[in-house]
Amino acid sequence: MSFQLDMPREVREIIGRLTENGYEAYAVGGCVRDALLHRVPKDWDITTSATPEEIKALFPKTIDTGIEHGTVTVLRNRQGFEVTTYRLDGEYEDCRHPKEVTFTKSLKEDLKRRDFTINAMAYNDDTGLVDLFNGLEDLENGIIRCVGDPTERFTEDALRVFRAVRFAAQLGFAIEPRTREGMRDLSGNLKRVSAERIREELTKLLLSEHPEELVTASECGMTAFWLPEWDQMLKTPQENVHHCFDVAGHTLAALKALHGFPEYKELTAKEQTTLSYAVLLHDCAKPACKSYGPDGVAHFYGHQKLSGEYTDRILHRLKFDNDTIAIATRLVYNHDTRFSVDRSNIETAVRKLANRIGTDNIPLLILIQRADTLAQAPAYHAESLSVLEKMQAAHSKILSEGQSVELKTLAVKGADLIAAGRTPGPELGRILSMLLDDVLEHPEHNNKAYLMELAERF
């Protein structure tokens, strides 16, 4: 094709050095796809007819990142670029990795082994776009399609069935029928994929513009192995005047609302991930808690606590770090903590809430509650959003005035009580807790003289 992709100077230099020495070399895969979509590629991968030893001989600084699979990282201007020899994959023994790879001089053979047509294009400035499997047409039409036979592609690497859904979510594309059929037939192999790889793909899906593709994952049988709770949510109507969706539909609407908040976009990647999982799982125990009143209205008593317990279990299943698990579980456990719009002591309530979940987590909880509210019946939006505004104002006041909501900011410490004659032990802890309870009700009481006198009365 007679156009130039906008590639980094370092990529052009690496390709140029290889071609000047008689080798073929191209940018390949996701970076070509993203560049064609006018997105900024996260990484630039290069494929070449040169062997790893020949690559290393041409560049002064290299790292053997995946030498057994033909990959050498070339360092240029303190950046690393993976350069991989054209290869053929041998037999896949574990539904994830080839038993062996064979180097080849054929770009076509190298591209044939890739997962989807939109990821099987190569480019350099001299040849232009190499598109042997109509990837550009699928890109223009918004189609996810396997290269060749879907059964072969998904048998080689079980994670590809989930990657298809993730790409559909990130790009807003449709999955081609034969590809979708292959996903349905071979989704059972996902149980052989590590939790860490599943988590990586699920996280990208949840943070995408189309988290509703999680329904596709369920329809193809994928979630049965690592998120069966989601399948139950899809089957659970809410049958309550406060709701206009079933549990899964409400959850997806809440996720999309969350992603639209300006405050969400300003969070760190870890905070966005934690919040997205908290929203995904905030009602995950509703199917187990569903009951009906005498009037036939559905109720979900206790779902907040049980959803918190489920969240802890699910995030451990997905091998999340302890910090993410603790915060997400705490947010889910408290997501339905609501206050009356005319409650006069809302500041006290927010201080006590901050004591339970941490001051820094109050803004995260408010975002979850806003998303939860906007995914409910519109008639109830105004009152709930008004309360959340009051919560936000109370939290801002707590921060600006430096009000104490935890023991470490209490004006009196254990050492002060010991110096006044108290004996170290459980009783000391109880006294400090009672002092904090008083300060949570009356923040102006957080001064040493008052609290020492109060401790004497205890």
Protein backbone atom coordinates (compact mmCIF):
# COMPACT_ATOMS: atom_id res chain seq x y z
CA MET A 1 0.00 0.00 0.00
CA SER A 2 1.22 3.50 -0.84
CA PHE A 3 1.19 5.09 2.61
CA GLN A 4 3.56 5.42 5.51
CA LEU A 5 2.76 4.39 9.05
CA ASP A 6 3.96 6.77 11.73
CA MET A 7 6.63 4.65 13.42
CA PRO A 8 9.12 5.72 16.09
CA ARG A 9 12.55 6.65 14.76
CA GLU A 10 14.13 3.78 16.70
CA VAL A 11 11.88 1.22 14.98
CA ARG A 12 12.82 2.60 11.55
CA GLU A 13 16.49 2.46 12.50
CA ILE A 14 16.28 -1.18 13.64
CA ILE A 15 14.38 -2.23 10.49
CA GLY A 16 16.81 -0.22 8.35
CA ARG A 17 19.88 -1.83 9.95
CA LEU A 18 18.49 -5.31 9.35
CA THR A 19 17.48 -4.65 5.72
CA GLU A 20 20.81 -2.96 4.93
CA ASN A 21 22.49 -6.21 5.94
CA GLY A 22 20.37 -8.36 3.65
CA TYR A 23 17.59 -9.42 6.02
CA GLU A 24 13.86 -8.84 5.85
CA ALA A 25 12.34 -6.91 8.75
CA TYR A 26 8.89 -5.51 9.53
CA ALA A 27 6.89 -3.99 12.33
CA VAL A 28 4.26 -6.62 13.09
CA GLY A 29 1.11 -7.43 15.02
CA GLY A 30 -0.70 -5.18 17.46
CA CYS A 31 1.45 -2.11 16.80
CA VAL A 32 0.52 -2.17 13.10
CA ARG A 33 -3.14 -2.68 13.99
CA ASP A 34 -3.15 0.24 16.43
CA ALA A 35 -1.25 2.53 14.06
CA LEU A 36 -3.81 1.82 11.33
CA LEU A 37 -6.54 2.72 13.83
CA HIS A 38 -4.68 5.97 14.62
CA ARG A 39 -4.06 4.79 18.16
CA VAL A 40 -0.72 5.09 19.92
CA PRO A 41 0.78 1.56 20.15
CA LYS A 42 1.97 0.58 23.59
CA ASP A 43 4.83 -1.49 22.16
CA TRP A 44 6.46 -1.90 18.76
CA ASP A 45 7.40 -5.47 17.84
CA ILE A 46 9.62 -6.33 14.90
CA THR A 47 9.79 -9.60 12.97
CA THR A 48 12.76 -10.52 10.81
CA SER A 49 14.35 -13.26 8.72
CA ALA A 50 17.58 -12.82 10.73
CA THR A 51 18.35 -15.42 13.38
CA PRO A 52 18.85 -14.35 17.02
CA GLU A 53 22.63 -14.64 16.63
CA GLU A 54 22.54 -12.49 13.49
CA ILE A 55 20.37 -9.90 15.26
CA LYS A 56 22.79 -9.73 18.19
CA ALA A 57 25.75 -9.31 15.85
CA LEU A 58 24.20 -6.18 14.32
CA PHE A 59 23.32 -4.29 17.51
CA PRO A 60 25.68 -3.37 20.35
CA LYS A 61 23.11 -3.58 23.14
CA THR A 62 20.72 -6.53 23.30
CA ILE A 63 19.00 -8.70 25.90
CA ASP A 64 18.13 -12.37 25.42
CA THR A 65 14.50 -11.98 26.52
CA GLY A 66 13.14 -15.06 24.76
CA ILE A 67 16.08 -16.42 22.85
CA GLU A 68 14.68 -19.98 22.75
CA HIS A 69 11.66 -18.62 20.89
CA GLY A 70 13.72 -16.34 18.66
CA THR A 71 13.20 -13.07 20.56
CA VAL A 72 15.97 -10.59 21.26
CA THR A 73 15.34 -7.19 22.82
CA VAL A 74 17.31 -4.47 21.05
CA LEU A 75 18.06 -1.41 23.22
CA ARG A 76 17.91 1.99 21.55
CA ASN A 77 17.84 5.32 23.40
CA ARG A 78 17.08 3.54 26.69
CA GLN A 79 14.09 1.79 25.18
CA GLY A 80 13.66 -1.90 24.44
CA PHE A 81 12.23 -3.25 21.18
CA GLU A 82 11.54 -6.95 20.76
CA VAL A 83 12.93 -8.37 17.53
CA THR A 84 11.79 -11.92 16.76
CA THR A 85 12.93 -14.31 14.05
CA TYR A 86 10.27 -15.63 11.63
CA ARG A 87 9.17 -18.89 13.16
CA LEU A 88 6.89 -21.90 12.95
CA ASP A 89 5.34 -23.20 16.16
CA GLY A 90 5.55 -26.88 16.95
CA GLU A 91 2.97 -28.96 18.78
CA TYR A 92 1.15 -27.23 21.66
CA GLU A 93 1.20 -29.53 24.68
CA ASP A 94 -0.47 -27.36 27.32
CA CYS A 95 -2.94 -25.29 25.28
CA ARG A 96 -0.64 -22.29 25.80
CA HIS A 97 2.95 -22.85 24.65
CA PRO A 98 4.49 -24.67 21.68
CA LYS A 99 6.71 -27.62 22.57
CA GLU A 100 9.30 -26.23 20.18
CA VAL A 101 9.71 -23.53 17.55
CA THR A 102 11.43 -23.71 14.17
CA PHE A 103 12.92 -20.67 12.50
CA THR A 104 11.89 -19.98 8.91
CA LYS A 105 12.77 -17.51 6.17
CA SER A 106 9.11 -17.08 5.19
CA LEU A 107 7.15 -14.07 6.47
CA LYS A 108 3.94 -15.78 5.33
CA GLU A 109 4.60 -18.80 7.53
CA ASP A 110 5.27 -16.52 10.48
CA LEU A 111 2.04 -14.55 9.97
CA LYS A 112 -0.03 -17.74 9.53
CA ARG A 113 0.56 -18.76 13.15
CA ARG A 114 -0.89 -15.53 14.59
CA ASP A 115 -4.29 -15.37 16.28
CA PHE A 116 -6.53 -12.88 14.42
CA THR A 117 -6.34 -11.29 11.00
CA ILE A 118 -6.11 -7.78 12.46
CA ASN A 119 -2.98 -8.90 14.35
CA ALA A 120 -1.38 -10.66 11.35
CA MET A 121 -0.27 -7.63 9.33
CA ALA A 122 3.32 -6.46 8.87
CA TYR A 123 4.78 -3.20 7.64
CA ASN A 124 7.96 -1.49 6.59
CA ASP A 125 8.45 1.69 4.59
CA ASP A 126 9.92 -0.06 1.54
CA THR A 127 7.34 -2.84 1.08
CA GLY A 128 4.38 -1.09 2.67
CA LEU A 129 1.62 -3.12 4.33
CA VAL A 130 1.84 -6.91 4.08
CA ASP A 131 -1.73 -8.15 4.56
CA LEU A 132 -2.02 -11.78 3.52
CA PHE A 133 -5.25 -12.55 5.43
CA ASN A 134 -7.42 -9.48 4.75
CA GLY A 135 -6.73 -7.99 8.14
CA LEU A 136 -7.16 -4.43 6.87
CA GLU A 137 -10.62 -5.26 5.53
CA ASP A 138 -11.60 -6.79 8.88
CA LEU A 139 -10.17 -3.73 10.63
CA GLU A 140 -12.25 -1.40 8.46
CA ASN A 141 -15.38 -3.52 8.97
CA GLY A 142 -14.87 -3.97 12.73
CA ILE A 143 -14.48 -7.77 12.67
CA ILE A 144 -12.54 -10.15 14.94
CA ARG A 145 -11.68 -13.19 12.79
CA CYS A 146 -9.19 -15.99 13.30
CA VAL A 147 -6.34 -16.49 10.88
CA GLY A 148 -7.31 -19.69 9.09
CA ASP A 149 -9.22 -22.37 11.00
CA PRO A 150 -10.55 -21.14 14.40
CA THR A 151 -10.33 -24.65 15.85
CA GLU A 152 -6.62 -24.80 15.11
CA ARG A 153 -5.93 -21.33 16.46
CA PHE A 154 -7.86 -21.91 19.70
CA THR A 155 -6.42 -25.40 20.19
CA GLU A 156 -2.92 -23.95 19.96
CA ASP A 157 -3.53 -21.35 22.65
CA ALA A 158 -6.60 -21.57 24.89
CA LEU A 159 -6.24 -17.96 26.04
CA ARG A 160 -7.09 -16.80 22.51
CA VAL A 161 -10.80 -17.44 23.09
CA PHE A 162 -10.75 -14.83 25.83
CA ARG A 163 -8.47 -12.51 23.87
CA ALA A 164 -11.11 -12.44 21.13
CA VAL A 165 -13.66 -11.12 23.62
CA ARG A 166 -11.15 -8.65 25.04
CA PHE A 167 -10.31 -7.26 21.59
CA ALA A 168 -14.03 -6.95 20.82
CA ALA A 169 -14.44 -4.96 24.06
CA GLN A 170 -11.44 -2.70 23.50
CA LEU A 171 -12.11 -2.02 19.82
CA GLY A 172 -15.92 -2.19 19.76
CA PHE A 173 -15.70 -4.93 17.09
CA ALA A 174 -18.01 -7.88 16.34
CA ILE A 175 -16.77 -11.46 16.46
CA GLU A 176 -17.11 -13.33 13.15
CA PRO A 177 -19.55 -16.31 13.42
CA ARG A 178 -17.04 -19.13 12.73
CA THR A 179 -14.62 -17.60 15.20
CA ARG A 180 -17.38 -17.33 17.79
CA GLU A 181 -18.38 -20.96 17.19
CA GLY A 182 -14.78 -22.05 17.77
CA MET A 183 -14.71 -20.03 21.00
CA ARG A 184 -17.85 -21.82 22.21
CA ASP A 185 -16.47 -25.24 21.31
CA LEU A 186 -13.07 -24.78 22.94
CA SER A 187 -13.73 -22.47 25.91
CA GLY A 188 -13.32 -25.45 28.24
CA ASN A 189 -9.56 -25.31 27.68
CA LEU A 190 -9.47 -22.06 29.63
CA LYS A 191 -9.37 -24.07 32.84
CA ARG A 192 -5.79 -24.96 31.88
CA VAL A 193 -4.75 -21.29 31.72
CA SER A 194 -3.20 -19.65 34.78
CA ALA A 195 -5.29 -17.32 36.92
CA GLU A 196 -2.78 -14.53 36.32
CA ARG A 197 -3.33 -14.63 32.53
CA ILE A 198 -7.10 -14.77 32.96
CA ARG A 199 -6.92 -11.80 35.33
CA GLU A 200 -4.86 -9.81 32.83
CA GLU A 201 -7.40 -10.30 30.03
CA LEU A 202 -10.43 -9.77 32.29
CA THR A 203 -8.96 -6.53 33.62
CA LYS A 204 -8.42 -5.16 30.12
CA LEU A 205 -12.02 -6.09 29.27
CA LEU A 206 -13.46 -4.45 32.39
CA LEU A 207 -11.50 -1.24 31.82
CA SER A 208 -12.51 -1.05 28.15
CA GLU A 209 -15.31 1.02 26.64
CA HIS A 210 -17.41 -2.12 26.18
CA PRO A 211 -17.44 -4.17 29.41
CA GLU A 212 -20.76 -5.63 28.21
CA GLU A 213 -18.67 -8.09 26.18
CA LEU A 214 -18.50 -10.02 29.46
CA VAL A 215 -21.93 -11.30 28.36
CA THR A 216 -20.27 -12.76 25.25
CA ALA A 217 -17.72 -14.50 27.47
CA SER A 218 -20.58 -16.06 29.41
CA GLU A 219 -22.51 -17.05 26.30
CA CYS A 220 -19.41 -18.86 25.00
CA GLY A 221 -19.00 -20.73 28.30
CA MET A 222 -15.81 -19.00 29.46
CA THR A 223 -16.94 -17.60 32.80
CA ALA A 224 -18.06 -21.01 34.07
CA PHE A 225 -14.46 -21.74 35.09
CA TRP A 226 -13.23 -18.52 36.66
CA LEU A 227 -16.30 -16.35 37.33
CA PRO A 228 -19.38 -18.57 37.77
CA GLU A 229 -20.91 -15.88 39.98
CA TRP A 230 -21.35 -13.74 36.86
CA ASP A 231 -23.41 -16.49 35.18
CA GLN A 232 -25.79 -16.45 38.14
CA MET A 233 -26.04 -12.66 38.00
CA LEU A 234 -27.15 -12.93 34.37
CA LYS A 235 -30.01 -15.18 35.44
CA THR A 236 -31.30 -12.99 38.29
CA PRO A 237 -34.08 -10.42 37.68
CA GLN A 238 -34.41 -7.79 40.42
CA GLU A 239 -38.22 -7.37 40.42
CA ASN A 240 -38.04 -4.28 42.57
CA VAL A 241 -39.22 -0.71 41.90
CA HIS A 242 -35.73 0.60 42.57
CA HIS A 243 -34.31 -1.32 39.61
CA CYS A 244 -34.82 -1.34 35.85
CA PHE A 245 -32.26 -4.07 35.02
CA ASP A 246 -31.48 -7.60 36.12
CA VAL A 247 -28.42 -7.94 38.36
CA ALA A 248 -25.94 -8.32 35.49
CA GLY A 249 -27.52 -5.52 33.45
CA HIS A 250 -27.41 -3.22 36.47
CA THR A 251 -23.75 -4.12 37.03
CA LEU A 252 -22.80 -3.34 33.41
CA ALA A 253 -24.70 -0.04 33.51
CA ALA A 254 -22.85 0.86 36.71
CA LEU A 255 -19.49 0.02 35.12
CA LYS A 256 -20.21 2.21 32.10
CA ALA A 257 -21.33 5.05 34.37
CA LEU A 258 -18.14 4.70 36.43
CA HIS A 259 -15.92 4.88 33.35
CA GLY A 260 -17.62 8.10 32.31
CA PHE A 261 -16.83 10.02 35.52
CA PRO A 262 -14.03 12.61 35.14
CA GLU A 263 -12.77 11.68 38.62
CA TYR A 264 -12.35 8.05 37.52
CA LYS A 265 -10.21 9.08 34.55
CA GLU A 266 -7.85 10.92 36.91
CA LEU A 267 -7.19 7.84 39.07
CA THR A 268 -4.10 5.65 38.83
CA ALA A 269 -4.33 2.43 36.82
CA LYS A 270 -4.39 0.41 40.04
CA GLU A 271 -7.20 2.52 41.49
CA GLN A 272 -9.21 2.18 38.27
CA THR A 273 -8.71 -1.58 38.39
CA THR A 274 -9.73 -1.82 42.05
CA LEU A 275 -12.84 0.30 41.47
CA SER A 276 -13.88 -1.60 38.34
CA TYR A 277 -13.69 -4.94 40.15
CA ALA A 278 -15.56 -3.48 43.13
CA VAL A 279 -18.37 -2.34 40.81
CA LEU A 280 -18.35 -5.67 38.96
CA LEU A 281 -18.76 -7.56 42.24
CA HIS A 282 -20.79 -5.14 44.40
CA ASP A 283 -23.98 -7.17 43.89
CA CYS A 284 -22.41 -10.55 43.11
CA ALA A 285 -24.18 -12.26 46.05
CA LYS A 286 -27.66 -11.02 45.13
CA PRO A 287 -28.59 -14.33 43.44
CA ALA A 288 -27.82 -16.14 46.70
CA CYS A 289 -29.70 -13.57 48.83
CA LYS A 290 -32.86 -13.19 46.76
CA SER A 291 -36.18 -13.59 48.52
CA TYR A 292 -39.76 -12.39 47.99
CA GLY A 293 -42.05 -10.40 50.27
CA PRO A 294 -45.78 -11.11 50.65
CA ASP A 295 -46.46 -8.64 47.83
CA GLY A 296 -44.19 -10.52 45.41
CA VAL A 297 -41.48 -7.86 45.50
CA ALA A 298 -37.92 -9.22 45.43
CA HIS A 299 -35.54 -8.42 48.28
CA PHE A 300 -31.81 -9.07 48.70
CA TYR A 301 -31.30 -8.89 52.44
CA GLY A 302 -27.69 -9.30 53.51
CA HIS A 303 -26.27 -9.09 50.00
CA GLN A 304 -23.85 -6.31 50.93
CA LYS A 305 -21.99 -8.42 53.52
CA LEU A 306 -22.08 -11.61 51.47
CA SER A 307 -20.95 -9.78 48.33
CA GLY A 308 -17.94 -8.58 50.31
CA GLU A 309 -17.14 -12.18 51.26
CA TYR A 310 -17.57 -13.30 47.63
CA THR A 311 -15.30 -10.46 46.45
CA ASP A 312 -12.52 -11.61 48.75
CA ARG A 313 -12.88 -15.16 47.46
CA ILE A 314 -13.06 -14.20 43.76
CA LEU A 315 -10.08 -11.83 43.85
CA HIS A 316 -8.00 -14.45 45.64
CA ARG A 317 -9.07 -16.90 42.91
CA LEU A 318 -7.73 -14.45 40.32
CA LYS A 319 -4.46 -14.06 42.30
CA PHE A 320 -4.75 -10.34 42.99
CA ASP A 321 -2.36 -8.67 45.42
CA ASN A 322 -3.49 -8.37 49.04
CA ASP A 323 -3.86 -4.59 48.93
CA THR A 324 -6.27 -4.66 45.98
CA ILE A 325 -8.25 -7.48 47.59
CA ALA A 326 -8.52 -5.64 50.93
CA ILE A 327 -9.66 -2.32 49.42
CA ALA A 328 -12.09 -3.83 46.91
CA THR A 329 -13.61 -6.08 49.58
CA ARG A 330 -14.00 -3.14 51.97
CA LEU A 331 -15.67 -1.03 49.26
CA VAL A 332 -18.08 -3.81 48.30
CA TYR A 333 -18.91 -4.54 51.93
CA ASN A 334 -19.84 -0.87 52.45
CA HIS A 335 -21.27 0.00 49.02
CA ASP A 336 -24.87 0.07 50.25
CA THR A 337 -24.17 2.25 53.28
CA ARG A 338 -26.65 5.10 52.73
CA PHE A 339 -27.64 8.15 54.74
CA SER A 340 -30.88 10.11 54.87
CA VAL A 341 -30.88 13.27 52.76
CA ASP A 342 -31.97 15.38 55.75
CA ARG A 343 -29.75 13.66 58.31
CA SER A 344 -28.31 16.40 60.52
CA ASN A 345 -25.26 14.43 61.64
CA ILE A 346 -24.05 13.27 58.22
CA GLU A 347 -20.56 14.53 59.05
CA THR A 348 -20.44 12.20 62.03
CA ALA A 349 -21.64 9.34 59.86
CA VAL A 350 -18.93 10.03 57.28
CA ARG A 351 -16.25 10.19 59.99
CA LYS A 352 -17.36 6.78 61.26
CA LEU A 353 -17.42 5.44 57.72
CA ALA A 354 -13.91 6.81 57.13
CA ASN A 355 -12.82 5.05 60.32
CA ARG A 356 -14.10 1.75 58.90
CA ILE A 357 -12.75 1.95 55.35
CA GLY A 358 -10.01 4.59 55.50
CA THR A 359 -10.25 8.29 54.68
CA ASP A 360 -8.57 7.81 51.28
CA ASN A 361 -11.22 5.29 50.28
CA ILE A 362 -14.21 7.58 50.85
CA PRO A 363 -13.91 9.21 47.37
CA LEU A 364 -13.69 5.73 45.82
CA LEU A 365 -16.81 4.62 47.70
CA ILE A 366 -18.68 7.73 46.59
CA LEU A 367 -17.78 6.97 42.95
CA ILE A 368 -19.11 3.42 43.36
CA GLN A 369 -22.32 4.70 44.95
CA ARG A 370 -22.81 7.26 42.18
CA ALA A 371 -22.37 4.57 39.54
CA ASP A 372 -24.68 2.24 41.47
CA THR A 373 -27.32 5.00 41.70
CA LEU A 374 -27.19 5.89 38.00
CA ALA A 375 -27.73 2.22 37.11
CA GLN A 376 -30.99 2.11 39.10
CA ALA A 377 -34.50 3.34 38.24
CA PRO A 378 -34.28 7.06 37.30
CA ALA A 379 -37.03 8.05 39.78
CA TYR A 380 -34.59 7.47 42.66
CA HIS A 381 -31.56 9.27 41.21
CA ALA A 382 -32.13 12.79 42.57
CA GLU A 383 -32.40 11.91 46.26
CA SER A 384 -29.47 9.50 46.24
CA LEU A 385 -27.21 11.88 44.34
CA SER A 386 -28.09 14.66 46.78
CA VAL A 387 -26.94 12.50 49.69
CA LEU A 388 -23.70 11.70 47.90
CA GLU A 389 -23.05 15.42 47.40
CA LYS A 390 -23.46 15.89 51.15
CA MET A 391 -21.10 12.99 51.79
CA GLN A 392 -18.53 14.56 49.46
CA ALA A 393 -18.85 17.91 51.23
CA ALA A 394 -18.49 16.26 54.65
CA HIS A 395 -15.40 14.37 53.50
CA SER A 396 -13.85 17.58 52.16
CA LYS A 397 -14.48 19.28 55.49
CA ILE A 398 -12.92 16.38 57.41
CA LEU A 399 -9.79 16.68 55.28
CA SER A 400 -9.56 20.48 55.33
CA GLU A 401 -9.95 20.63 59.11
CA GLY A 402 -7.65 17.67 59.72
CA GLN A 403 -10.31 15.90 61.78
CA SER A 404 -9.22 12.65 63.40
CA VAL A 405 -10.93 9.46 62.22
CA GLU A 406 -8.36 6.90 63.39
CA LEU A 407 -6.22 6.12 66.40
CA LYS A 408 -2.96 7.28 64.84
CA THR A 409 -4.24 10.87 64.60
CA LEU A 410 -5.76 10.92 68.09
CA ALA A 411 -4.22 13.65 70.30
CA VAL A 412 -3.59 11.07 73.05
CA LYS A 413 -1.40 8.00 72.55
CA GLY A 414 -0.97 4.86 74.56
CA ALA A 415 2.32 6.19 75.89
CA ASP A 416 0.50 9.21 77.33
CA LEU A 417 -1.89 6.97 79.25
CA ILE A 418 0.95 4.78 80.52
CA ALA A 419 2.82 7.87 81.70
CA ALA A 420 -0.33 8.86 83.60
CA GLY A 421 -0.34 5.52 85.43
CA ARG A 422 -2.32 3.21 83.15
CA THR A 423 -1.13 -0.37 82.82
CA PRO A 424 -0.29 -1.60 79.29
CA GLY A 425 -2.69 -4.22 78.02
CA PRO A 426 -6.16 -4.75 76.52
CA GLU A 427 -7.72 -2.21 78.88
CA LEU A 428 -5.48 0.49 77.42
CA GLY A 429 -6.73 -0.34 73.93
CA ARG A 430 -10.33 -0.16 75.07
CA ILE A 431 -9.79 3.28 76.56
CA LEU A 432 -8.18 4.57 73.34
CA SER A 433 -11.12 3.19 71.35
CA MET A 434 -13.59 4.96 73.63
CA LEU A 435 -11.65 8.21 73.24
CA LEU A 436 -11.76 7.83 69.47
CA ASP A 437 -15.52 7.15 69.60
CA ASP A 438 -15.94 10.46 71.40
CA VAL A 439 -13.79 12.31 68.83
CA LEU A 440 -15.74 10.75 65.94
CA GLU A 441 -18.88 12.29 67.43
CA HIS A 442 -17.20 15.57 68.43
CA PRO A 443 -14.05 16.32 66.39
CA GLU A 444 -13.37 19.45 68.46
CA HIS A 445 -12.64 17.16 71.44
CA ASN A 446 -9.39 15.98 69.87
CA ASN A 447 -7.05 17.82 72.21
CA LYS A 448 -4.76 16.23 74.74
CA ALA A 449 -6.03 17.96 77.89
CA TYR A 450 -9.66 17.07 77.24
CA LEU A 451 -8.92 13.47 76.28
CA MET A 452 -6.63 12.85 79.27
CA GLU A 453 -9.40 14.11 81.57
CA LEU A 454 -11.93 11.94 79.78
CA ALA A 455 -9.62 8.92 80.13
CA GLU A 456 -9.45 9.53 83.88
CA ARG A 457 -13.24 9.40 84.05
CA PHE A 458 -13.20 6.07 82.19
